Amino acid sequence: MSFTQDIYDRSLALQRAILDHPFVRGIGNGTLDVEAFKHFIRQDYAYLVQYARVFALAAARSPDLDTMGRFAGLLHETLRTEMALHRGYCARFGVSAAELAATMPSPTTQAYTDFLVRTAYDGSFAELAAALLPCMWGYSDVGLALAAQGKPAGAPLYAEWIDMYAAPEFKAQAGWLRGLVDRLAQAASAEERARMERAYVTSSRYEYAFWEMAWRKETWPL
């Protein structure tokens, strides 16, 4: 069994909880409160700003040119494609680009991105790759699972979102990152593999917390 499949299986209850979260199910069946989706899109945009920075750091820390190019490509796709999708959604909601850019990260968004940035600076490259994996792999899993059950009729915004993350290109990107983490784990000591797993599980917990944040429309209390 590969390293990534092993750590996925050991955190299976968490992965299943993400797929079964009411926010995710609401996208899939088209019943999600649009205000919760608006909150999610704005917070996800704030997340992606820092996620892109982490991709840039991963490119800078990459051990070879191929890996550097891959992370540079992911940075480009995040900045030019994924964030453009979010700006397009917000334009439909009447939220200007300036308002979107000024979105204050929620406590969960801030904590998650702080963890990723800290790992990018303080962790090993292998830990960083493992910490990045749950977002990409998880969204691919969610997109594919929702697409498999049939896109929601009468909910074009949610159908578009599913199309984005169920795309074969997105699945291929997640597969590449899984392969990288597996290769890094093969060369790592037992101690570093344990740190990689902790980074993966922590990011997975933040992934669940992010869905919950969007569901509750979390903001700072003061």
C-alpha atoms as a PDB file:
ATOM      1  CA  MET A   1       0.000   0.000   0.000  1.00  0.00           C
ATOM      2  CA  SER A   2       1.275   3.465  -0.829  1.00  0.00           C
ATOM      3  CA  PHE A   3       2.043   5.982   1.908  1.00  0.00           C
ATOM      4  CA  THR A   4      -0.762   8.309   0.826  1.00  0.00           C
ATOM      5  CA  GLN A   5      -3.339   5.526   0.692  1.00  0.00           C
ATOM      6  CA  ASP A   6      -2.214   4.358   4.122  1.00  0.00           C
ATOM      7  CA  ILE A   7      -2.602   7.774   5.761  1.00  0.00           C
ATOM      8  CA  TYR A   8      -5.913   8.287   3.959  1.00  0.00           C
ATOM      9  CA  ASP A   9      -7.224   4.969   5.266  1.00  0.00           C
ATOM     10  CA  ARG A  10      -6.069   5.742   8.802  1.00  0.00           C
ATOM     11  CA  SER A  11      -8.029   9.000   8.682  1.00  0.00           C
ATOM     12  CA  LEU A  12     -10.997   7.470   6.869  1.00  0.00           C
ATOM     13  CA  ALA A  13     -13.600   8.612   9.418  1.00  0.00           C
ATOM     14  CA  LEU A  14     -12.485  12.193   8.841  1.00  0.00           C
ATOM     15  CA  GLN A  15     -12.514  11.830   5.046  1.00  0.00           C
ATOM     16  CA  ARG A  16     -16.013  10.338   5.148  1.00  0.00           C
ATOM     17  CA  ALA A  17     -17.210  13.133   7.443  1.00  0.00           C
ATOM     18  CA  ILE A  18     -16.115  15.676   4.836  1.00  0.00           C
ATOM     19  CA  LEU A  19     -18.041  13.926   2.050  1.00  0.00           C
ATOM     20  CA  ASP A  20     -21.091  13.662   4.324  1.00  0.00           C
ATOM     21  CA  HIS A  21     -20.976  17.248   5.595  1.00  0.00           C
ATOM     22  CA  PRO A  22     -24.326  19.056   5.128  1.00  0.00           C
ATOM     23  CA  PHE A  23     -22.608  21.867   3.200  1.00  0.00           C
ATOM     24  CA  VAL A  24     -21.157  19.384   0.709  1.00  0.00           C
ATOM     25  CA  ARG A  25     -24.434  17.490   0.463  1.00  0.00           C
ATOM     26  CA  GLY A  26     -26.256  20.790  -0.060  1.00  0.00           C
ATOM     27  CA  ILE A  27     -24.085  21.613  -3.065  1.00  0.00           C
ATOM     28  CA  GLY A  28     -24.724  18.156  -4.460  1.00  0.00           C
ATOM     29  CA  ASN A  29     -28.504  18.262  -4.193  1.00  0.00           C
ATOM     30  CA  GLY A  30     -28.885  21.981  -4.855  1.00  0.00           C
ATOM     31  CA  THR A  31     -30.471  22.820  -1.487  1.00  0.00           C
ATOM     32  CA  LEU A  32     -27.580  24.740   0.063  1.00  0.00           C
ATOM     33  CA  ASP A  33     -28.519  28.204   1.326  1.00  0.00           C
ATOM     34  CA  VAL A  34     -27.032  30.623  -1.177  1.00  0.00           C
ATOM     35  CA  GLU A  35     -25.885  32.911   1.657  1.00  0.00           C
ATOM     36  CA  ALA A  36     -23.740  30.082   3.003  1.00  0.00           C
ATOM     37  CA  PHE A  37     -22.313  29.548  -0.486  1.00  0.00           C
ATOM     38  CA  LYS A  38     -21.535  33.266  -0.814  1.00  0.00           C
ATOM     39  CA  HIS A  39     -19.721  33.157   2.513  1.00  0.00           C
ATOM     40  CA  PHE A  40     -17.831  30.063   1.401  1.00  0.00           C
ATOM     41  CA  ILE A  41     -16.741  31.632  -1.905  1.00  0.00           C
ATOM     42  CA  ARG A  42     -15.461  34.784  -0.209  1.00  0.00           C
ATOM     43  CA  GLN A  43     -13.605  32.830   2.458  1.00  0.00           C
ATOM     44  CA  ASP A  44     -12.227  30.389  -0.100  1.00  0.00           C
ATOM     45  CA  TYR A  45     -10.906  33.342  -2.096  1.00  0.00           C
ATOM     46  CA  ALA A  46      -9.126  34.623   1.023  1.00  0.00           C
ATOM     47  CA  TYR A  47      -7.758  31.111   1.514  1.00  0.00           C
ATOM     48  CA  LEU A  48      -6.552  30.876  -2.090  1.00  0.00           C
ATOM     49  CA  VAL A  49      -4.529  34.077  -1.764  1.00  0.00           C
ATOM     50  CA  GLN A  50      -2.389  32.407   0.903  1.00  0.00           C
ATOM     51  CA  TYR A  51      -2.571  28.988  -0.780  1.00  0.00           C
ATOM     52  CA  ALA A  52      -0.985  30.563  -3.853  1.00  0.00           C
ATOM     53  CA  ARG A  53       1.814  31.977  -1.689  1.00  0.00           C
ATOM     54  CA  VAL A  54       2.435  28.487  -0.321  1.00  0.00           C
ATOM     55  CA  PHE A  55       2.649  27.099  -3.864  1.00  0.00           C
ATOM     56  CA  ALA A  56       5.241  29.788  -4.611  1.00  0.00           C
ATOM     57  CA  LEU A  57       7.233  28.740  -1.553  1.00  0.00           C
ATOM     58  CA  ALA A  58       6.919  25.086  -2.573  1.00  0.00           C
ATOM     59  CA  ALA A  59       8.276  25.949  -6.022  1.00  0.00           C
ATOM     60  CA  ALA A  60      11.210  27.793  -4.461  1.00  0.00           C
ATOM     61  CA  ARG A  61      11.976  24.856  -2.158  1.00  0.00           C
ATOM     62  CA  SER A  62      11.558  22.138  -4.790  1.00  0.00           C
ATOM     63  CA  PRO A  63      14.478  19.695  -5.078  1.00  0.00           C
ATOM     64  CA  ASP A  64      14.414  19.526  -8.893  1.00  0.00           C
ATOM     65  CA  LEU A  65      13.267  21.509 -11.917  1.00  0.00           C
ATOM     66  CA  ASP A  66      10.357  19.220 -12.784  1.00  0.00           C
ATOM     67  CA  THR A  67       8.840  19.603  -9.316  1.00  0.00           C
ATOM     68  CA  MET A  68       9.531  23.342  -9.395  1.00  0.00           C
ATOM     69  CA  GLY A  69       7.713  23.598 -12.717  1.00  0.00           C
ATOM     70  CA  ARG A  70       4.760  21.615 -11.409  1.00  0.00           C
ATOM     71  CA  PHE A  71       4.310  23.856  -8.388  1.00  0.00           C
ATOM     72  CA  ALA A  72       4.757  26.935 -10.567  1.00  0.00           C
ATOM     73  CA  GLY A  73       1.988  25.552 -12.786  1.00  0.00           C
ATOM     74  CA  LEU A  74      -0.278  25.020  -9.783  1.00  0.00           C
ATOM     75  CA  LEU A  75       0.428  28.585  -8.692  1.00  0.00           C
ATOM     76  CA  HIS A  76      -0.559  29.838 -12.146  1.00  0.00           C
ATOM     77  CA  GLU A  77      -3.756  27.741 -12.219  1.00  0.00           C
ATOM     78  CA  THR A  78      -4.746  28.973  -8.764  1.00  0.00           C
ATOM     79  CA  LEU A  79      -4.184  32.632  -9.611  1.00  0.00           C
ATOM     80  CA  ARG A  80      -5.593  32.588 -13.149  1.00  0.00           C
ATOM     81  CA  THR A  81      -8.287  29.908 -13.181  1.00  0.00           C
ATOM     82  CA  GLU A  82      -9.534  29.002  -9.715  1.00  0.00           C
ATOM     83  CA  MET A  83      -9.561  32.561  -8.360  1.00  0.00           C
ATOM     84  CA  ALA A  84     -11.168  33.809 -11.585  1.00  0.00           C
ATOM     85  CA  LEU A  85     -14.023  31.358 -10.964  1.00  0.00           C
ATOM     86  CA  HIS A  86     -14.503  32.876  -7.512  1.00  0.00           C
ATOM     87  CA  ARG A  87     -14.481  36.427  -8.925  1.00  0.00           C
ATOM     88  CA  GLY A  88     -17.082  35.363 -11.465  1.00  0.00           C
ATOM     89  CA  TYR A  89     -19.328  33.972  -8.747  1.00  0.00           C
ATOM     90  CA  CYS A  90     -19.029  37.141  -6.702  1.00  0.00           C
ATOM     91  CA  ALA A  91     -19.849  39.311  -9.713  1.00  0.00           C
ATOM     92  CA  ARG A  92     -23.154  37.421  -9.936  1.00  0.00           C
ATOM     93  CA  PHE A  93     -23.715  38.043  -6.228  1.00  0.00           C
ATOM     94  CA  GLY A  94     -23.138  41.764  -6.650  1.00  0.00           C
ATOM     95  CA  VAL A  95     -19.800  41.640  -4.825  1.00  0.00           C
ATOM     96  CA  SER A  96     -17.156  43.749  -6.549  1.00  0.00           C
ATOM     97  CA  ALA A  97     -13.584  42.601  -7.073  1.00  0.00           C
ATOM     98  CA  ALA A  98     -12.447  45.196  -4.540  1.00  0.00           C
ATOM     99  CA  GLU A  99     -14.944  43.964  -1.949  1.00  0.00           C
ATOM    100  CA  LEU A 100     -13.867  40.378  -2.547  1.00  0.00           C
ATOM    101  CA  ALA A 101     -10.185  41.252  -2.163  1.00  0.00           C
ATOM    102  CA  ALA A 102     -10.990  43.042   1.105  1.00  0.00           C
ATOM    103  CA  THR A 103     -12.679  39.959   2.629  1.00  0.00           C
ATOM    104  CA  MET A 104     -11.484  39.418   6.196  1.00  0.00           C
ATOM    105  CA  PRO A 105     -10.473  35.779   6.759  1.00  0.00           C
ATOM    106  CA  SER A 106     -12.638  34.024   9.338  1.00  0.00           C
ATOM    107  CA  PRO A 107     -10.928  32.472  12.393  1.00  0.00           C
ATOM    108  CA  THR A 108     -10.863  29.067  10.670  1.00  0.00           C
ATOM    109  CA  THR A 109      -9.546  30.467   7.392  1.00  0.00           C
ATOM    110  CA  GLN A 110      -6.840  32.385   9.233  1.00  0.00           C
ATOM    111  CA  ALA A 111      -5.819  29.356  11.295  1.00  0.00           C
ATOM    112  CA  TYR A 112      -5.668  27.030   8.280  1.00  0.00           C
ATOM    113  CA  THR A 113      -3.609  29.374   6.124  1.00  0.00           C
ATOM    114  CA  ASP A 114      -1.320  30.231   9.039  1.00  0.00           C
ATOM    115  CA  PHE A 115      -0.660  26.515   9.465  1.00  0.00           C
ATOM    116  CA  LEU A 116       0.196  26.080   5.790  1.00  0.00           C
ATOM    117  CA  VAL A 117       2.479  29.116   5.665  1.00  0.00           C
ATOM    118  CA  ARG A 118       4.227  28.057   8.886  1.00  0.00           C
ATOM    119  CA  THR A 119       4.769  24.565   7.480  1.00  0.00           C
ATOM    120  CA  ALA A 120       6.159  26.071   4.271  1.00  0.00           C
ATOM    121  CA  TYR A 121       8.750  27.981   6.266  1.00  0.00           C
ATOM    122  CA  ASP A 122       9.496  25.688   9.212  1.00  0.00           C
ATOM    123  CA  GLY A 123       8.720  22.157   8.000  1.00  0.00           C
ATOM    124  CA  SER A 124      10.650  19.952   5.626  1.00  0.00           C
ATOM    125  CA  PHE A 125       9.717  19.955   1.947  1.00  0.00           C
ATOM    126  CA  ALA A 126       8.119  16.535   2.483  1.00  0.00           C
ATOM    127  CA  GLU A 127       5.958  17.907   5.323  1.00  0.00           C
ATOM    128  CA  LEU A 128       4.917  20.822   3.126  1.00  0.00           C
ATOM    129  CA  ALA A 129       3.869  18.508   0.288  1.00  0.00           C
ATOM    130  CA  ALA A 130       1.876  16.369   2.728  1.00  0.00           C
ATOM    131  CA  ALA A 131       0.198  19.453   4.230  1.00  0.00           C
ATOM    132  CA  LEU A 132      -0.887  20.630   0.762  1.00  0.00           C
ATOM    133  CA  LEU A 133      -2.366  17.287  -0.240  1.00  0.00           C
ATOM    134  CA  PRO A 134      -5.727  17.276   1.634  1.00  0.00           C
ATOM    135  CA  CYS A 135      -7.021  20.396  -0.101  1.00  0.00           C
ATOM    136  CA  MET A 136      -6.318  19.231  -3.640  1.00  0.00           C
ATOM    137  CA  TRP A 137      -7.140  15.560  -3.084  1.00  0.00           C
ATOM    138  CA  GLY A 138     -10.188  16.377  -0.965  1.00  0.00           C
ATOM    139  CA  TYR A 139     -11.748  18.795  -3.466  1.00  0.00           C
ATOM    140  CA  SER A 140     -11.148  16.301  -6.249  1.00  0.00           C
ATOM    141  CA  ASP A 141     -12.881  13.597  -4.179  1.00  0.00           C
ATOM    142  CA  VAL A 142     -15.803  15.918  -3.400  1.00  0.00           C
ATOM    143  CA  GLY A 143     -16.179  17.033  -7.000  1.00  0.00           C
ATOM    144  CA  LEU A 144     -16.058  13.489  -8.359  1.00  0.00           C
ATOM    145  CA  ALA A 145     -18.464  12.154  -5.720  1.00  0.00           C
ATOM    146  CA  LEU A 146     -21.009  14.890  -6.397  1.00  0.00           C
ATOM    147  CA  ALA A 147     -20.682  14.532 -10.172  1.00  0.00           C
ATOM    148  CA  ALA A 148     -21.228  10.770  -9.884  1.00  0.00           C
ATOM    149  CA  GLN A 149     -24.574  11.261  -8.178  1.00  0.00           C
ATOM    150  CA  GLY A 150     -25.738  13.680 -10.885  1.00  0.00           C
ATOM    151  CA  LYS A 151     -25.448  17.459 -10.898  1.00  0.00           C
ATOM    152  CA  PRO A 152     -28.320  19.344  -9.219  1.00  0.00           C
ATOM    153  CA  ALA A 153     -31.085  20.494 -11.548  1.00  0.00           C
ATOM    154  CA  GLY A 154     -32.016  24.134 -11.210  1.00  0.00           C
ATOM    155  CA  ALA A 155     -28.815  25.059  -9.379  1.00  0.00           C
ATOM    156  CA  PRO A 156     -26.379  26.195 -12.097  1.00  0.00           C
ATOM    157  CA  LEU A 157     -23.952  27.823  -9.669  1.00  0.00           C
ATOM    158  CA  TYR A 158     -23.483  24.559  -7.805  1.00  0.00           C
ATOM    159  CA  ALA A 159     -23.318  22.550 -11.031  1.00  0.00           C
ATOM    160  CA  GLU A 160     -20.513  24.823 -12.263  1.00  0.00           C
ATOM    161  CA  TRP A 161     -18.658  24.385  -8.985  1.00  0.00           C
ATOM    162  CA  ILE A 162     -18.941  20.594  -9.295  1.00  0.00           C
ATOM    163  CA  ASP A 163     -17.683  20.745 -12.886  1.00  0.00           C
ATOM    164  CA  MET A 164     -14.610  22.677 -11.754  1.00  0.00           C
ATOM    165  CA  TYR A 165     -13.526  20.142  -9.166  1.00  0.00           C
ATOM    166  CA  ALA A 166     -14.666  17.006 -11.001  1.00  0.00           C
ATOM    167  CA  ALA A 167     -12.588  17.941 -14.050  1.00  0.00           C
ATOM    168  CA  PRO A 168     -10.050  15.324 -15.194  1.00  0.00           C
ATOM    169  CA  GLU A 169      -7.344  17.996 -15.109  1.00  0.00           C
ATOM    170  CA  PHE A 170      -7.971  18.658 -11.429  1.00  0.00           C
ATOM    171  CA  LYS A 171      -7.930  14.931 -10.673  1.00  0.00           C
ATOM    172  CA  ALA A 172      -4.616  14.633 -12.529  1.00  0.00           C
ATOM    173  CA  GLN A 173      -3.116  17.459 -10.465  1.00  0.00           C
ATOM    174  CA  ALA A 174      -4.190  15.744  -7.249  1.00  0.00           C
ATOM    175  CA  GLY A 175      -2.741  12.470  -8.540  1.00  0.00           C
ATOM    176  CA  TRP A 176       0.578  14.142  -9.267  1.00  0.00           C
ATOM    177  CA  LEU A 177       0.772  15.552  -5.744  1.00  0.00           C
ATOM    178  CA  ARG A 178      -0.083  12.158  -4.278  1.00  0.00           C
ATOM    179  CA  GLY A 179       2.734  10.631  -6.301  1.00  0.00           C
ATOM    180  CA  LEU A 180       5.161  13.283  -5.095  1.00  0.00           C
ATOM    181  CA  VAL A 181       4.233  12.682  -1.455  1.00  0.00           C
ATOM    182  CA  ASP A 182       4.651   8.929  -1.970  1.00  0.00           C
ATOM    183  CA  ARG A 183       8.121   9.408  -3.476  1.00  0.00           C
ATOM    184  CA  LEU A 184       9.167  11.737  -0.688  1.00  0.00           C
ATOM    185  CA  ALA A 185       7.905   9.248   1.911  1.00  0.00           C
ATOM    186  CA  GLN A 186       9.973   6.457   0.364  1.00  0.00           C
ATOM    187  CA  ALA A 187      13.139   8.484   0.910  1.00  0.00           C
ATOM    188  CA  ALA A 188      12.141   9.737   4.371  1.00  0.00           C
ATOM    189  CA  SER A 189      13.056   8.363   7.768  1.00  0.00           C
ATOM    190  CA  ALA A 190      10.371   6.887   9.996  1.00  0.00           C
ATOM    191  CA  GLU A 191      10.428  10.080  12.052  1.00  0.00           C
ATOM    192  CA  GLU A 192       9.881  12.284   9.023  1.00  0.00           C
ATOM    193  CA  ARG A 193       7.091  10.049   7.719  1.00  0.00           C
ATOM    194  CA  ALA A 194       5.382  10.502  11.081  1.00  0.00           C
ATOM    195  CA  ARG A 195       5.706  14.295  10.697  1.00  0.00           C
ATOM    196  CA  MET A 196       4.318  14.032   7.166  1.00  0.00           C
ATOM    197  CA  GLU A 197       1.308  12.127   8.448  1.00  0.00           C
ATOM    198  CA  ARG A 198       0.715  14.693  11.193  1.00  0.00           C
ATOM    199  CA  ALA A 199       0.843  17.487   8.624  1.00  0.00           C
ATOM    200  CA  TYR A 200      -1.602  15.605   6.382  1.00  0.00           C
ATOM    201  CA  VAL A 201      -4.038  14.898   9.219  1.00  0.00           C
ATOM    202  CA  THR A 202      -3.871  18.470  10.527  1.00  0.00           C
ATOM    203  CA  SER A 203      -4.705  19.853   7.078  1.00  0.00           C
ATOM    204  CA  SER A 204      -7.508  17.293   6.732  1.00  0.00           C
ATOM    205  CA  ARG A 205      -8.964  18.489  10.034  1.00  0.00           C
ATOM    206  CA  TYR A 206      -8.785  22.053   8.793  1.00  0.00           C
ATOM    207  CA  GLU A 207     -10.527  20.968   5.592  1.00  0.00           C
ATOM    208  CA  TYR A 208     -13.442  19.648   7.647  1.00  0.00           C
ATOM    209  CA  ALA A 209     -13.378  22.792   9.795  1.00  0.00           C
ATOM    210  CA  PHE A 210     -13.503  24.927   6.643  1.00  0.00           C
ATOM    211  CA  TRP A 211     -16.728  23.270   5.456  1.00  0.00           C
ATOM    212  CA  GLU A 212     -18.153  23.721   8.946  1.00  0.00           C
ATOM    213  CA  MET A 213     -17.075  27.376   8.961  1.00  0.00           C
ATOM    214  CA  ALA A 214     -18.934  27.947   5.689  1.00  0.00           C
ATOM    215  CA  TRP A 215     -22.018  26.084   6.925  1.00  0.00           C
ATOM    216  CA  ARG A 216     -22.175  28.231  10.069  1.00  0.00           C
ATOM    217  CA  LYS A 217     -21.153  31.416   8.175  1.00  0.00           C
ATOM    218  CA  GLU A 218     -18.438  31.908  10.774  1.00  0.00           C
ATOM    219  CA  THR A 219     -17.116  35.420  11.420  1.00  0.00           C
ATOM    220  CA  TRP A 220     -15.053  37.018  14.162  1.00  0.00           C
ATOM    221  CA  PRO A 221     -17.234  37.695  17.247  1.00  0.00           C
ATOM    222  CA  LEU A 222     -15.862  41.237  17.674  1.00  0.00           C
END
